[in-house]
Amino acid sequence: MAEEIGSPKIRGPKDPVKKGELVEIKSLIKHPMESGLRKDKATDTLIPAHFIESVVVEYGGKPVLKATWSGAVSKDPFFSFFVKAEATGPLKMTWKDNKGQAFDASTTITVA
């Protein structure tokens, strides 16, 4: 059974924000996040590890967040964080997993 992977979603503020305001960014990605320690109940064999290893966030082309994850993060992870709005520009998130797959999504933060 092939499981859907990817389909990253990211959401920032819908309306313009003031310069210097902290804004919440929310993200969700479909991923099995297998640790490599769980067994398939039907075959009693270990399910191979398959998890997101890194998350990188860039705002206005500059890195603002780097996270290292492991198989201990739950399936289809939701991740939220705050960023200080400095100027209107793109915010891009990139997820990379231990099998070499990369997924990205972006939104625009508008500063009034």
C-alpha atoms as a PDB file:
ATOM      1  CA  MET A   1       0.000   0.000   0.000  1.00  0.00           C
ATOM      2  CA  ALA A   2       1.589   3.265  -1.126  1.00  0.00           C
ATOM      3  CA  GLU A   3       1.067   6.062   1.361  1.00  0.00           C
ATOM      4  CA  GLU A   4       0.691   9.651   0.225  1.00  0.00           C
ATOM      5  CA  ILE A   5       3.700  11.728   1.225  1.00  0.00           C
ATOM      6  CA  GLY A   6       4.227  15.442   0.855  1.00  0.00           C
ATOM      7  CA  SER A   7       1.365  17.860   0.206  1.00  0.00           C
ATOM      8  CA  PRO A   8       2.945  20.448   2.535  1.00  0.00           C
ATOM      9  CA  LYS A   9       0.770  23.299   3.716  1.00  0.00           C
ATOM     10  CA  ILE A  10       1.836  26.554   5.322  1.00  0.00           C
ATOM     11  CA  ARG A  11      -0.262  29.423   6.631  1.00  0.00           C
ATOM     12  CA  GLY A  12       0.789  32.868   7.774  1.00  0.00           C
ATOM     13  CA  PRO A  13      -1.170  36.031   8.521  1.00  0.00           C
ATOM     14  CA  LYS A  14      -3.924  36.782   5.991  1.00  0.00           C
ATOM     15  CA  ASP A  15      -3.900  40.528   6.601  1.00  0.00           C
ATOM     16  CA  PRO A  16      -0.962  42.963   6.532  1.00  0.00           C
ATOM     17  CA  VAL A  17       0.942  43.189   9.830  1.00  0.00           C
ATOM     18  CA  LYS A  18       2.955  45.955  11.479  1.00  0.00           C
ATOM     19  CA  LYS A  19       6.733  45.993  11.212  1.00  0.00           C
ATOM     20  CA  GLY A  20       8.241  44.262  14.237  1.00  0.00           C
ATOM     21  CA  GLU A  21       5.083  42.298  15.026  1.00  0.00           C
ATOM     22  CA  LEU A  22       5.446  38.633  15.931  1.00  0.00           C
ATOM     23  CA  VAL A  23       3.348  36.521  13.579  1.00  0.00           C
ATOM     24  CA  GLU A  24       2.427  32.863  13.906  1.00  0.00           C
ATOM     25  CA  ILE A  25       3.234  30.504  11.061  1.00  0.00           C
ATOM     26  CA  LYS A  26       1.458  27.141  10.972  1.00  0.00           C
ATOM     27  CA  SER A  27       2.456  24.176   8.827  1.00  0.00           C
ATOM     28  CA  LEU A  28       1.351  20.639   8.149  1.00  0.00           C
ATOM     29  CA  ILE A  29       2.912  17.901   6.027  1.00  0.00           C
ATOM     30  CA  LYS A  30       1.772  14.365   5.224  1.00  0.00           C
ATOM     31  CA  HIS A  31       4.540  11.953   6.184  1.00  0.00           C
ATOM     32  CA  PRO A  32       4.562   8.484   7.817  1.00  0.00           C
ATOM     33  CA  MET A  33       7.327   9.400  10.298  1.00  0.00           C
ATOM     34  CA  GLU A  34       8.375   5.787  10.898  1.00  0.00           C
ATOM     35  CA  SER A  35      11.069   5.311  13.539  1.00  0.00           C
ATOM     36  CA  GLY A  36      12.238   1.931  12.256  1.00  0.00           C
ATOM     37  CA  LEU A  37      11.252   0.311  15.557  1.00  0.00           C
ATOM     38  CA  ARG A  38       7.616  -0.546  14.813  1.00  0.00           C
ATOM     39  CA  LYS A  39       6.573  -3.933  13.414  1.00  0.00           C
ATOM     40  CA  ASP A  40       4.092  -4.599  10.635  1.00  0.00           C
ATOM     41  CA  LYS A  41       1.315  -6.569  12.363  1.00  0.00           C
ATOM     42  CA  ALA A  42       0.585  -8.662   9.268  1.00  0.00           C
ATOM     43  CA  THR A  43       4.170  -9.810   8.595  1.00  0.00           C
ATOM     44  CA  ASP A  44       5.831  -9.279  12.003  1.00  0.00           C
ATOM     45  CA  THR A  45       8.755  -7.527  10.298  1.00  0.00           C
ATOM     46  CA  LEU A  46      10.175  -4.138  11.184  1.00  0.00           C
ATOM     47  CA  ILE A  47       8.871  -1.199   9.154  1.00  0.00           C
ATOM     48  CA  PRO A  48      11.924   0.655   7.762  1.00  0.00           C
ATOM     49  CA  ALA A  49      12.754   4.055   9.215  1.00  0.00           C
ATOM     50  CA  HIS A  50      11.297   6.920   7.172  1.00  0.00           C
ATOM     51  CA  PHE A  51      11.132  10.298   8.865  1.00  0.00           C
ATOM     52  CA  ILE A  52      11.736  13.994   8.318  1.00  0.00           C
ATOM     53  CA  GLU A  53      15.275  14.865   9.382  1.00  0.00           C
ATOM     54  CA  SER A  54      15.345  18.611   8.909  1.00  0.00           C
ATOM     55  CA  VAL A  55      13.091  21.620   8.592  1.00  0.00           C
ATOM     56  CA  VAL A  56      14.516  24.909   7.319  1.00  0.00           C
ATOM     57  CA  VAL A  57      12.628  28.205   7.204  1.00  0.00           C
ATOM     58  CA  GLU A  58      13.745  31.219   5.184  1.00  0.00           C
ATOM     59  CA  TYR A  59      12.147  34.657   5.373  1.00  0.00           C
ATOM     60  CA  GLY A  60      13.088  37.166   2.718  1.00  0.00           C
ATOM     61  CA  GLY A  61      15.750  34.732   1.480  1.00  0.00           C
ATOM     62  CA  LYS A  62      17.520  34.538   4.868  1.00  0.00           C
ATOM     63  CA  PRO A  63      17.418  31.515   7.203  1.00  0.00           C
ATOM     64  CA  VAL A  64      15.354  32.152  10.344  1.00  0.00           C
ATOM     65  CA  LEU A  65      14.845  28.622  11.705  1.00  0.00           C
ATOM     66  CA  LYS A  66      16.559  25.259  11.419  1.00  0.00           C
ATOM     67  CA  ALA A  67      15.222  22.173  13.193  1.00  0.00           C
ATOM     68  CA  THR A  68      16.505  18.611  13.349  1.00  0.00           C
ATOM     69  CA  TRP A  69      13.825  15.974  13.780  1.00  0.00           C
ATOM     70  CA  SER A  70      13.859  12.214  14.346  1.00  0.00           C
ATOM     71  CA  GLY A  71      11.514   9.272  14.116  1.00  0.00           C
ATOM     72  CA  ALA A  72      10.063  10.323  17.481  1.00  0.00           C
ATOM     73  CA  VAL A  73       7.902  13.003  15.788  1.00  0.00           C
ATOM     74  CA  SER A  74       4.329  11.914  15.093  1.00  0.00           C
ATOM     75  CA  LYS A  75       2.845  10.988  11.716  1.00  0.00           C
ATOM     76  CA  ASP A  76       1.677  13.938   9.564  1.00  0.00           C
ATOM     77  CA  PRO A  77       3.418  16.509  11.778  1.00  0.00           C
ATOM     78  CA  PHE A  78       1.920  19.915  12.519  1.00  0.00           C
ATOM     79  CA  PHE A  79       4.502  22.591  13.330  1.00  0.00           C
ATOM     80  CA  SER A  80       3.914  26.194  14.366  1.00  0.00           C
ATOM     81  CA  PHE A  81       6.319  28.954  15.319  1.00  0.00           C
ATOM     82  CA  PHE A  82       6.562  32.743  15.469  1.00  0.00           C
ATOM     83  CA  VAL A  83       8.648  35.046  13.298  1.00  0.00           C
ATOM     84  CA  LYS A  84       9.214  38.786  13.604  1.00  0.00           C
ATOM     85  CA  ALA A  85       7.768  40.610  10.578  1.00  0.00           C
ATOM     86  CA  GLU A  86      10.468  42.948   9.251  1.00  0.00           C
ATOM     87  CA  ALA A  87       9.505  43.536   5.612  1.00  0.00           C
ATOM     88  CA  THR A  88       7.091  42.243   3.003  1.00  0.00           C
ATOM     89  CA  GLY A  89       8.504  39.059   1.536  1.00  0.00           C
ATOM     90  CA  PRO A  90       8.263  35.321   1.068  1.00  0.00           C
ATOM     91  CA  LEU A  91       8.531  32.803   3.875  1.00  0.00           C
ATOM     92  CA  LYS A  92       9.594  29.372   2.630  1.00  0.00           C
ATOM     93  CA  MET A  93       9.733  26.077   4.532  1.00  0.00           C
ATOM     94  CA  THR A  94      11.669  23.050   3.340  1.00  0.00           C
ATOM     95  CA  TRP A  95      11.308  19.581   4.860  1.00  0.00           C
ATOM     96  CA  LYS A  96      13.904  16.865   4.046  1.00  0.00           C
ATOM     97  CA  ASP A  97      13.556  13.229   5.030  1.00  0.00           C
ATOM     98  CA  ASN A  98      16.050  10.412   5.627  1.00  0.00           C
ATOM     99  CA  LYS A  99      15.350   8.931   2.177  1.00  0.00           C
ATOM    100  CA  GLY A 100      16.465  12.076   0.342  1.00  0.00           C
ATOM    101  CA  GLN A 101      13.019  13.450  -0.433  1.00  0.00           C
ATOM    102  CA  ALA A 102      12.490  17.201  -0.067  1.00  0.00           C
ATOM    103  CA  PHE A 103       9.232  19.110   0.119  1.00  0.00           C
ATOM    104  CA  ASP A 104       8.656  22.842   0.292  1.00  0.00           C
ATOM    105  CA  ALA A 105       5.859  25.344   0.682  1.00  0.00           C
ATOM    106  CA  SER A 106       5.758  29.108   0.940  1.00  0.00           C
ATOM    107  CA  THR A 107       3.588  32.040   1.899  1.00  0.00           C
ATOM    108  CA  THR A 108       4.036  35.792   1.838  1.00  0.00           C
ATOM    109  CA  ILE A 109       4.172  38.029   4.896  1.00  0.00           C
ATOM    110  CA  THR A 110       2.880  41.495   4.055  1.00  0.00           C
ATOM    111  CA  VAL A 111       4.104  44.364   6.237  1.00  0.00           C
ATOM    112  CA  ALA A 112       2.026  47.556   6.153  1.00  0.00           C
END
